[in-house]
Amino acid sequence: MEKFRKITEINIALNHVVIHSKEFVKIDNVDVELALPVHTISYVNSISGREQLLATQPENVVSSVFAIWGDNPTVEE
């Protein structure tokens, strides 16, 4: 059984993003959601927040967030 996490919701604002995900297992090629709490992580639109987002999230999520945030941070460290 392979356990993995799927992003279920992304809430993007100009100064931050909140990403919710849930744990799943694959059984007979079917993704089955585990009855575990939702995992939530947030990033601030600062230099370090952008670096953390780049280091921990898939490229498609980063691209979506940066499309809203633009090229420059809005929050000072």
PDB file of N, CA and C in Angstrom:
ATOM      1  N   MET A   1       0.837  -1.172   0.000  1.00  0.00           N
ATOM      2  CA  MET A   1       0.000   0.000   0.000  1.00  0.00           C
ATOM      3  C   MET A   1       0.887   1.242   0.000  1.00  0.00           C
ATOM      4  N   GLU A   2       0.615   2.116  -0.930  1.00  0.00           N
ATOM      5  CA  GLU A   2       1.382   3.349  -1.064  1.00  0.00           C
ATOM      6  C   GLU A   2       0.594   4.510  -0.455  1.00  0.00           C
ATOM      7  N   LYS A   3       1.151   5.151   0.569  1.00  0.00           N
ATOM      8  CA  LYS A   3       0.502   6.299   1.202  1.00  0.00           C
ATOM      9  C   LYS A   3       1.030   7.573   0.541  1.00  0.00           C
ATOM     10  N   PHE A   4       0.123   8.515   0.247  1.00  0.00           N
ATOM     11  CA  PHE A   4       0.539   9.764  -0.380  1.00  0.00           C
ATOM     12  C   PHE A   4      -0.425  10.874  -0.007  1.00  0.00           C
ATOM     13  N   ARG A   5      -0.029  12.098  -0.297  1.00  0.00           N
ATOM     14  CA  ARG A   5      -0.827  13.275   0.045  1.00  0.00           C
ATOM     15  C   ARG A   5      -1.279  13.951  -1.240  1.00  0.00           C
ATOM     16  N   LYS A   6      -2.549  14.370  -1.252  1.00  0.00           N
ATOM     17  CA  LYS A   6      -3.116  15.117  -2.376  1.00  0.00           C
ATOM     18  C   LYS A   6      -3.555  16.486  -1.892  1.00  0.00           C
ATOM     19  N   ILE A   7      -3.216  17.513  -2.671  1.00  0.00           N
ATOM     20  CA  ILE A   7      -3.696  18.853  -2.366  1.00  0.00           C
ATOM     21  C   ILE A   7      -5.177  18.903  -2.702  1.00  0.00           C
ATOM     22  N   THR A   8      -5.962  19.394  -1.747  1.00  0.00           N
ATOM     23  CA  THR A   8      -7.408  19.439  -1.939  1.00  0.00           C
ATOM     24  C   THR A   8      -7.943  20.856  -2.094  1.00  0.00           C
ATOM     25  N   GLU A   9      -7.176  21.844  -1.626  1.00  0.00           N
ATOM     26  CA  GLU A   9      -7.634  23.229  -1.716  1.00  0.00           C
ATOM     27  C   GLU A   9      -6.442  24.167  -1.593  1.00  0.00           C
ATOM     28  N   ILE A  10      -6.452  25.234  -2.396  1.00  0.00           N
ATOM     29  CA  ILE A  10      -5.422  26.267  -2.331  1.00  0.00           C
ATOM     30  C   ILE A  10      -6.136  27.616  -2.255  1.00  0.00           C
ATOM     31  N   ASN A  11      -5.870  28.352  -1.187  1.00  0.00           N
ATOM     32  CA  ASN A  11      -6.458  29.683  -1.010  1.00  0.00           C
ATOM     33  C   ASN A  11      -5.345  30.717  -1.160  1.00  0.00           C
ATOM     34  N   ILE A  12      -5.364  31.451  -2.278  1.00  0.00           N
ATOM     35  CA  ILE A  12      -4.309  32.404  -2.572  1.00  0.00           C
ATOM     36  C   ILE A  12      -4.815  33.828  -2.370  1.00  0.00           C
ATOM     37  N   ALA A  13      -4.081  34.602  -1.566  1.00  0.00           N
ATOM     38  CA  ALA A  13      -4.322  36.033  -1.389  1.00  0.00           C
ATOM     39  C   ALA A  13      -3.026  36.754  -1.774  1.00  0.00           C
ATOM     40  N   LEU A  14      -3.058  38.067  -1.856  1.00  0.00           N
ATOM     41  CA  LEU A  14      -1.862  38.801  -2.282  1.00  0.00           C
ATOM     42  C   LEU A  14      -0.699  38.678  -1.305  1.00  0.00           C
ATOM     43  N   ASN A  15      -0.989  38.503  -0.005  1.00  0.00           N
ATOM     44  CA  ASN A  15       0.076  38.456   0.996  1.00  0.00           C
ATOM     45  C   ASN A  15       0.394  37.072   1.537  1.00  0.00           C
ATOM     46  N   HIS A  16      -0.418  36.068   1.177  1.00  0.00           N
ATOM     47  CA  HIS A  16      -0.170  34.717   1.694  1.00  0.00           C
ATOM     48  C   HIS A  16      -0.944  33.683   0.866  1.00  0.00           C
ATOM     49  N   VAL A  17      -0.586  32.426   1.092  1.00  0.00           N
ATOM     50  CA  VAL A  17      -1.315  31.309   0.497  1.00  0.00           C
ATOM     51  C   VAL A  17      -1.479  30.231   1.566  1.00  0.00           C
ATOM     52  N   VAL A  18      -2.629  29.579   1.560  1.00  0.00           N
ATOM     53  CA  VAL A  18      -2.887  28.466   2.471  1.00  0.00           C
ATOM     54  C   VAL A  18      -3.201  27.239   1.612  1.00  0.00           C
ATOM     55  N   ILE A  19      -2.483  26.149   1.866  1.00  0.00           N
ATOM     56  CA  ILE A  19      -2.633  24.925   1.079  1.00  0.00           C
ATOM     57  C   ILE A  19      -3.120  23.806   2.000  1.00  0.00           C
ATOM     58  N   HIS A  20      -4.245  23.191   1.637  1.00  0.00           N
ATOM     59  CA  HIS A  20      -4.825  22.081   2.398  1.00  0.00           C
ATOM     60  C   HIS A  20      -4.608  20.790   1.611  1.00  0.00           C
ATOM     61  N   SER A  21      -4.271  19.733   2.321  1.00  0.00           N
ATOM     62  CA  SER A  21      -4.108  18.433   1.664  1.00  0.00           C
ATOM     63  C   SER A  21      -4.588  17.317   2.580  1.00  0.00           C
ATOM     64  N   LYS A  22      -4.853  16.162   1.975  1.00  0.00           N
ATOM     65  CA  LYS A  22      -5.329  14.989   2.710  1.00  0.00           C
ATOM     66  C   LYS A  22      -4.450  13.788   2.358  1.00  0.00           C
ATOM     67  N   GLU A  23      -4.434  12.818   3.255  1.00  0.00           N
ATOM     68  CA  GLU A  23      -3.665  11.584   3.073  1.00  0.00           C
ATOM     69  C   GLU A  23      -4.529  10.529   2.385  1.00  0.00           C
ATOM     70  N   PHE A  24      -3.920   9.802   1.448  1.00  0.00           N
ATOM     71  CA  PHE A  24      -4.589   8.740   0.716  1.00  0.00           C
ATOM     72  C   PHE A  24      -3.683   7.519   0.658  1.00  0.00           C
ATOM     73  N   VAL A  25      -4.284   6.379   0.347  1.00  0.00           N
ATOM     74  CA  VAL A  25      -3.553   5.167  -0.027  1.00  0.00           C
ATOM     75  C   VAL A  25      -4.158   4.667  -1.334  1.00  0.00           C
ATOM     76  N   LYS A  26      -3.343   3.974  -2.095  1.00  0.00           N
ATOM     77  CA  LYS A  26      -3.825   3.388  -3.334  1.00  0.00           C
ATOM     78  C   LYS A  26      -4.073   1.905  -3.093  1.00  0.00           C
ATOM     79  N   ILE A  27      -5.315   1.490  -3.289  1.00  0.00           N
ATOM     80  CA  ILE A  27      -5.699   0.086  -3.124  1.00  0.00           C
ATOM     81  C   ILE A  27      -6.355  -0.359  -4.425  1.00  0.00           C
ATOM     82  N   ASP A  28      -5.775  -1.363  -5.062  1.00  0.00           N
ATOM     83  CA  ASP A  28      -6.294  -1.859  -6.348  1.00  0.00           C
ATOM     84  C   ASP A  28      -6.517  -0.721  -7.342  1.00  0.00           C
ATOM     85  N   ASN A  29      -5.514   0.173  -7.460  1.00  0.00           N
ATOM     86  CA  ASN A  29      -5.541   1.319  -8.377  1.00  0.00           C
ATOM     87  C   ASN A  29      -6.644   2.326  -8.075  1.00  0.00           C
ATOM     88  N   VAL A  30      -7.145   2.327  -6.848  1.00  0.00           N
ATOM     89  CA  VAL A  30      -8.157   3.298  -6.429  1.00  0.00           C
ATOM     90  C   VAL A  30      -7.572   4.110  -5.278  1.00  0.00           C
ATOM     91  N   ASP A  31      -7.678   5.455  -5.367  1.00  0.00           N
ATOM     92  CA  ASP A  31      -7.223   6.319  -4.286  1.00  0.00           C
ATOM     93  C   ASP A  31      -8.279   6.333  -3.186  1.00  0.00           C
ATOM     94  N   VAL A  32      -7.870   5.907  -1.983  1.00  0.00           N
ATOM     95  CA  VAL A  32      -8.776   5.835  -0.844  1.00  0.00           C
ATOM     96  C   VAL A  32      -8.311   6.849   0.204  1.00  0.00           C
ATOM     97  N   GLU A  33      -9.210   7.764   0.557  1.00  0.00           N
ATOM     98  CA  GLU A  33      -8.885   8.793   1.543  1.00  0.00           C
ATOM     99  C   GLU A  33      -8.829   8.201   2.937  1.00  0.00           C
ATOM    100  N   LEU A  34      -7.768   8.538   3.677  1.00  0.00           N
ATOM    101  CA  LEU A  34      -7.637   8.090   5.054  1.00  0.00           C
ATOM    102  C   LEU A  34      -8.378   9.052   5.976  1.00  0.00           C
ATOM    103  N   ALA A  35      -8.928   8.529   7.039  1.00  0.00           N
ATOM    104  CA  ALA A  35      -9.686   9.350   7.993  1.00  0.00           C
ATOM    105  C   ALA A  35      -8.715  10.032   8.952  1.00  0.00           C
ATOM    106  N   LEU A  36      -7.907  10.914   8.398  1.00  0.00           N
ATOM    107  CA  LEU A  36      -6.939  11.680   9.178  1.00  0.00           C
ATOM    108  C   LEU A  36      -7.259  13.164   9.035  1.00  0.00           C
ATOM    109  N   PRO A  37      -6.789  13.984   9.963  1.00  0.00           N
ATOM    110  CA  PRO A  37      -7.050  15.422   9.837  1.00  0.00           C
ATOM    111  C   PRO A  37      -6.435  15.987   8.551  1.00  0.00           C
ATOM    112  N   VAL A  38      -7.030  17.057   8.080  1.00  0.00           N
ATOM    113  CA  VAL A  38      -6.504  17.772   6.917  1.00  0.00           C
ATOM    114  C   VAL A  38      -5.173  18.400   7.304  1.00  0.00           C
ATOM    115  N   HIS A  39      -4.178  18.291   6.418  1.00  0.00           N
ATOM    116  CA  HIS A  39      -2.881  18.935   6.626  1.00  0.00           C
ATOM    117  C   HIS A  39      -2.960  20.327   6.013  1.00  0.00           C
ATOM    118  N   THR A  40      -2.617  21.346   6.786  1.00  0.00           N
ATOM    119  CA  THR A  40      -2.671  22.729   6.314  1.00  0.00           C
ATOM    120  C   THR A  40      -1.305  23.370   6.500  1.00  0.00           C
ATOM    121  N   ILE A  41      -0.844  24.062   5.461  1.00  0.00           N
ATOM    122  CA  ILE A  41       0.415  24.797   5.527  1.00  0.00           C
ATOM    123  C   ILE A  41       0.206  26.137   4.847  1.00  0.00           C
ATOM    124  N   SER A  42       0.861  27.165   5.362  1.00  0.00           N
ATOM    125  CA  SER A  42       0.729  28.483   4.760  1.00  0.00           C
ATOM    126  C   SER A  42       2.107  29.082   4.501  1.00  0.00           C
ATOM    127  N   TYR A  43       2.137  29.970   3.532  1.00  0.00           N
ATOM    128  CA  TYR A  43       3.352  30.676   3.156  1.00  0.00           C
ATOM    129  C   TYR A  43       3.019  32.152   3.003  1.00  0.00           C
ATOM    130  N   VAL A  44       3.924  33.005   3.454  1.00  0.00           N
ATOM    131  CA  VAL A  44       3.754  34.448   3.343  1.00  0.00           C
ATOM    132  C   VAL A  44       4.479  34.913   2.083  1.00  0.00           C
ATOM    133  N   ASN A  45       3.954  35.941   1.450  1.00  0.00           N
ATOM    134  CA  ASN A  45       4.555  36.484   0.233  1.00  0.00           C
ATOM    135  C   ASN A  45       5.735  37.390   0.598  1.00  0.00           C
ATOM    136  N   SER A  46       6.764  36.772   1.166  1.00  0.00           N
ATOM    137  CA  SER A  46       8.017  37.441   1.523  1.00  0.00           C
ATOM    138  C   SER A  46       9.136  36.694   0.806  1.00  0.00           C
ATOM    139  N   ILE A  47      10.340  37.187   0.912  1.00  0.00           N
ATOM    140  CA  ILE A  47      11.466  36.505   0.271  1.00  0.00           C
ATOM    141  C   ILE A  47      11.607  35.083   0.807  1.00  0.00           C
ATOM    142  N   SER A  48      11.599  34.925   2.138  1.00  0.00           N
ATOM    143  CA  SER A  48      11.770  33.584   2.709  1.00  0.00           C
ATOM    144  C   SER A  48      10.541  32.705   2.458  1.00  0.00           C
ATOM    145  N   GLY A  49       9.334  33.288   2.487  1.00  0.00           N
ATOM    146  CA  GLY A  49       8.126  32.515   2.200  1.00  0.00           C
ATOM    147  C   GLY A  49       8.125  31.976   0.784  1.00  0.00           C
ATOM    148  N   ARG A  50       8.578  32.794  -0.153  1.00  0.00           N
ATOM    149  CA  ARG A  50       8.684  32.351  -1.544  1.00  0.00           C
ATOM    150  C   ARG A  50       9.700  31.217  -1.692  1.00  0.00           C
ATOM    151  N   GLU A  51      10.815  31.334  -0.980  1.00  0.00           N
ATOM    152  CA  GLU A  51      11.844  30.286  -1.023  1.00  0.00           C
ATOM    153  C   GLU A  51      11.299  28.974  -0.453  1.00  0.00           C
ATOM    154  N   GLN A  52      10.559  29.052   0.658  1.00  0.00           N
ATOM    155  CA  GLN A  52       9.974  27.854   1.269  1.00  0.00           C
ATOM    156  C   GLN A  52       8.958  27.214   0.329  1.00  0.00           C
ATOM    157  N   LEU A  53       8.123  28.044  -0.302  1.00  0.00           N
ATOM    158  CA  LEU A  53       7.135  27.539  -1.258  1.00  0.00           C
ATOM    159  C   LEU A  53       7.826  26.794  -2.393  1.00  0.00           C
ATOM    160  N   LEU A  54       8.866  27.409  -2.961  1.00  0.00           N
ATOM    161  CA  LEU A  54       9.625  26.774  -4.053  1.00  0.00           C
ATOM    162  C   LEU A  54      10.246  25.446  -3.630  1.00  0.00           C
ATOM    163  N   ALA A  55      10.723  25.392  -2.393  1.00  0.00           N
ATOM    164  CA  ALA A  55      11.428  24.196  -1.913  1.00  0.00           C
ATOM    165  C   ALA A  55      10.500  23.038  -1.556  1.00  0.00           C
ATOM    166  N   THR A  56       9.230  23.325  -1.256  1.00  0.00           N
ATOM    167  CA  THR A  56       8.381  22.273  -0.703  1.00  0.00           C
ATOM    168  C   THR A  56       7.161  21.897  -1.536  1.00  0.00           C
ATOM    169  N   GLN A  57       6.785  22.724  -2.507  1.00  0.00           N
ATOM    170  CA  GLN A  57       5.557  22.459  -3.256  1.00  0.00           C
ATOM    171  C   GLN A  57       5.857  22.120  -4.715  1.00  0.00           C
ATOM    172  N   PRO A  58       4.967  21.371  -5.354  1.00  0.00           N
ATOM    173  CA  PRO A  58       5.163  21.013  -6.759  1.00  0.00           C
ATOM    174  C   PRO A  58       5.130  22.253  -7.661  1.00  0.00           C
ATOM    175  N   GLU A  59       5.753  22.122  -8.811  1.00  0.00           N
ATOM    176  CA  GLU A  59       5.894  23.239  -9.745  1.00  0.00           C
ATOM    177  C   GLU A  59       4.559  23.858 -10.153  1.00  0.00           C
ATOM    178  N   ASN A  60       3.534  23.026 -10.358  1.00  0.00           N
ATOM    179  CA  ASN A  60       2.241  23.567 -10.776  1.00  0.00           C
ATOM    180  C   ASN A  60       1.611  24.438  -9.691  1.00  0.00           C
ATOM    181  N   VAL A  61       1.813  24.102  -8.427  1.00  0.00           N
ATOM    182  CA  VAL A  61       1.294  24.910  -7.320  1.00  0.00           C
ATOM    183  C   VAL A  61       2.066  26.223  -7.239  1.00  0.00           C
ATOM    184  N   VAL A  62       3.391  26.143  -7.317  1.00  0.00           N
ATOM    185  CA  VAL A  62       4.233  27.341  -7.266  1.00  0.00           C
ATOM    186  C   VAL A  62       3.860  28.293  -8.400  1.00  0.00           C
ATOM    187  N   SER A  63       3.696  27.771  -9.597  1.00  0.00           N
ATOM    188  CA  SER A  63       3.332  28.609 -10.748  1.00  0.00           C
ATOM    189  C   SER A  63       1.998  29.309 -10.537  1.00  0.00           C
ATOM    190  N   SER A  64       1.037  28.589  -9.988  1.00  0.00           N
ATOM    191  CA  SER A  64      -0.283  29.175  -9.726  1.00  0.00           C
ATOM    192  C   SER A  64      -0.193  30.304  -8.702  1.00  0.00           C
ATOM    193  N   VAL A  65       0.551  30.069  -7.650  1.00  0.00           N
ATOM    194  CA  VAL A  65       0.693  31.081  -6.602  1.00  0.00           C
ATOM    195  C   VAL A  65       1.425  32.301  -7.149  1.00  0.00           C
ATOM    196  N   PHE A  66       2.533  32.083  -7.854  1.00  0.00           N
ATOM    197  CA  PHE A  66       3.306  33.214  -8.375  1.00  0.00           C
ATOM    198  C   PHE A  66       2.540  33.978  -9.452  1.00  0.00           C
ATOM    199  N   ALA A  67       1.612  33.337 -10.118  1.00  0.00           N
ATOM    200  CA  ALA A  67       0.777  34.042 -11.101  1.00  0.00           C
ATOM    201  C   ALA A  67      -0.072  35.104 -10.404  1.00  0.00           C
ATOM    202  N   ILE A  68      -0.501  34.826  -9.179  1.00  0.00           N
ATOM    203  CA  ILE A  68      -1.286  35.786  -8.407  1.00  0.00           C
ATOM    204  C   ILE A  68      -0.371  36.777  -7.685  1.00  0.00           C
ATOM    205  N   TRP A  69       0.704  36.288  -7.098  1.00  0.00           N
ATOM    206  CA  TRP A  69       1.609  37.133  -6.320  1.00  0.00           C
ATOM    207  C   TRP A  69       2.424  38.094  -7.184  1.00  0.00           C
ATOM    208  N   GLY A  70       2.708  37.701  -8.409  1.00  0.00           N
ATOM    209  CA  GLY A  70       3.586  38.524  -9.234  1.00  0.00           C
ATOM    210  C   GLY A  70       5.047  38.254  -8.917  1.00  0.00           C
ATOM    211  N   ASP A  71       5.906  39.173  -9.360  1.00  0.00           N
ATOM    212  CA  ASP A  71       7.352  38.963  -9.253  1.00  0.00           C
ATOM    213  C   ASP A  71       7.977  39.459  -7.953  1.00  0.00           C
ATOM    214  N   ASN A  72       7.274  40.285  -7.202  1.00  0.00           N
ATOM    215  CA  ASN A  72       7.878  40.899  -6.019  1.00  0.00           C
ATOM    216  C   ASN A  72       7.118  40.569  -4.743  1.00  0.00           C
ATOM    217  N   PRO A  73       7.851  40.314  -3.642  1.00  0.00           N
ATOM    218  CA  PRO A  73       7.204  40.066  -2.348  1.00  0.00           C
ATOM    219  C   PRO A  73       6.398  41.287  -1.901  1.00  0.00           C
ATOM    220  N   THR A  74       5.331  41.034  -1.143  1.00  0.00           N
ATOM    221  CA  THR A  74       4.504  42.112  -0.612  1.00  0.00           C
ATOM    222  C   THR A  74       4.643  42.249   0.903  1.00  0.00           C
ATOM    223  N   VAL A  75       5.353  41.304   1.529  1.00  0.00           N
ATOM    224  CA  VAL A  75       5.528  41.309   2.986  1.00  0.00           C
ATOM    225  C   VAL A  75       7.021  41.395   3.290  1.00  0.00           C
ATOM    226  N   GLU A  76       7.396  42.333   4.167  1.00  0.00           N
ATOM    227  CA  GLU A  76       8.792  42.451   4.577  1.00  0.00           C
ATOM    228  C   GLU A  76       9.100  41.437   5.661  1.00  0.00           C
ATOM    229  N   GLU A  77      10.349  40.996   5.706  1.00  0.00           N
ATOM    230  CA  GLU A  77      10.791  40.024   6.703  1.00  0.00           C
ATOM    231  C   GLU A  77      10.747  40.640   8.086  1.00  0.00           C
TER     232      GLU A  77
END
